[in-house]
Amino acid sequence: MSTNYYITLNECKHCKRFDKVHLGKRSALKEGCKFTFAVDLEEIEKKVGFPFDKEIVNEYGEKFNLYEFKELVSDCKQKDYSLIGENFC
């Protein structure tokens, strides 16, 4: 089982248009979990400023702040950066 995580950027207050950026996917393993990054989190932080107050949301609608998300990622034994910039889900 896996869960995808997203952040909303460039939200227009007038027309409600926004860009949904895929941050990555957390996958269950026999021993722990793996997080596969879709973007470089540091680049996102540079783009929106740090610390940022944007909510991170998973595909099930659960919301996280940046610190909660980083803790969730740090709990994963494996981290995969090989797919940064690629489209996957």
Protein backbone atom coordinates (compact mmCIF):
# COMPACT_ATOMS: atom_id res chain seq x y z
CA MET A 1 0.00 0.00 0.00
CA SER A 2 1.21 3.52 -0.75
CA THR A 3 0.06 7.08 -0.17
CA ASN A 4 0.77 10.14 -2.34
CA TYR A 5 1.43 13.60 -0.87
CA TYR A 6 0.76 16.98 -2.51
CA ILE A 7 1.13 20.69 -1.88
CA THR A 8 -1.02 23.46 -3.38
CA LEU A 9 0.88 26.40 -4.93
CA ASN A 10 -0.07 29.53 -6.88
CA GLU A 11 -3.63 29.63 -5.58
CA CYS A 12 -5.70 32.50 -7.03
CA LYS A 13 -8.09 34.02 -4.50
CA HIS A 14 -10.35 35.30 -7.27
CA CYS A 15 -10.88 32.28 -9.50
CA LYS A 16 -9.71 29.58 -7.02
CA ARG A 17 -7.29 28.12 -9.62
CA PHE A 18 -4.19 26.45 -8.18
CA ASP A 19 -1.27 24.19 -9.00
CA LYS A 20 -1.16 20.84 -7.21
CA VAL A 21 2.44 19.64 -6.87
CA HIS A 22 3.15 15.96 -6.19
CA LEU A 23 5.75 15.78 -3.40
CA GLY A 24 6.13 12.03 -3.39
CA LYS A 25 4.83 8.67 -2.28
CA ARG A 26 5.18 6.76 0.98
CA SER A 27 5.13 2.99 0.50
CA ALA A 28 4.86 0.24 3.08
CA LEU A 29 7.64 -2.33 3.16
CA LYS A 30 8.06 -5.53 5.13
CA GLU A 31 10.29 -3.62 7.51
CA GLY A 32 9.21 0.00 7.81
CA CYS A 33 8.46 2.24 4.86
CA LYS A 34 10.01 3.97 1.86
CA PHE A 35 9.47 7.54 0.69
CA THR A 36 9.98 8.23 -3.01
CA PHE A 37 10.40 11.93 -3.75
CA ALA A 38 8.80 13.47 -6.85
CA VAL A 39 10.37 16.91 -6.23
CA ASP A 40 13.30 18.35 -4.36
CA LEU A 41 11.71 19.56 -1.12
CA GLU A 42 14.41 22.23 -0.72
CA GLU A 43 13.40 23.70 -4.09
CA ILE A 44 9.77 23.91 -2.94
CA GLU A 45 10.89 25.61 0.27
CA LYS A 46 12.87 28.16 -1.77
CA LYS A 47 9.90 28.80 -4.04
CA VAL A 48 7.36 29.47 -1.26
CA GLY A 49 9.70 30.68 1.48
CA PHE A 50 10.71 28.95 4.67
CA PRO A 51 9.10 28.27 6.99
CA PHE A 52 6.01 28.03 4.84
CA ASP A 53 2.45 27.78 6.00
CA LYS A 54 1.14 25.79 3.06
CA GLU A 55 -0.74 22.65 3.92
CA ILE A 56 0.47 19.33 2.63
CA VAL A 57 -2.33 16.90 1.91
CA ASN A 58 -2.35 13.22 1.07
CA GLU A 59 -4.61 11.50 -1.44
CA TYR A 60 -7.08 10.73 1.35
CA GLY A 61 -7.48 14.38 2.35
CA GLU A 62 -5.40 14.20 5.54
CA LYS A 63 -3.56 17.50 6.14
CA PHE A 64 -0.04 18.05 7.44
CA ASN A 65 2.14 21.06 8.12
CA LEU A 66 5.76 21.04 6.94
CA TYR A 67 7.13 19.76 10.25
CA GLU A 68 4.63 16.89 10.44
CA PHE A 69 5.41 15.96 6.84
CA LYS A 70 9.16 15.97 7.44
CA GLU A 71 8.67 13.78 10.51
CA LEU A 72 6.56 11.36 8.46
CA VAL A 73 9.35 11.18 5.85
CA SER A 74 12.11 10.82 8.44
CA ASP A 75 10.27 7.81 9.91
CA CYS A 76 10.86 5.96 6.62
CA LYS A 77 13.95 3.76 6.60
CA GLN A 78 14.44 4.17 2.85
CA LYS A 79 14.41 7.40 0.86
CA ASP A 80 14.48 7.35 -2.93
CA TYR A 81 15.54 10.50 -4.80
CA SER A 82 15.97 8.82 -8.19
CA LEU A 83 12.54 9.85 -9.56
CA ILE A 84 12.74 13.60 -8.85
CA GLY A 85 11.26 15.37 -11.86
CA GLU A 86 9.53 12.25 -13.17
CA ASN A 87 5.77 11.70 -13.30
CA PHE A 88 4.65 8.77 -11.17
CA CYS A 89 1.97 7.95 -8.61
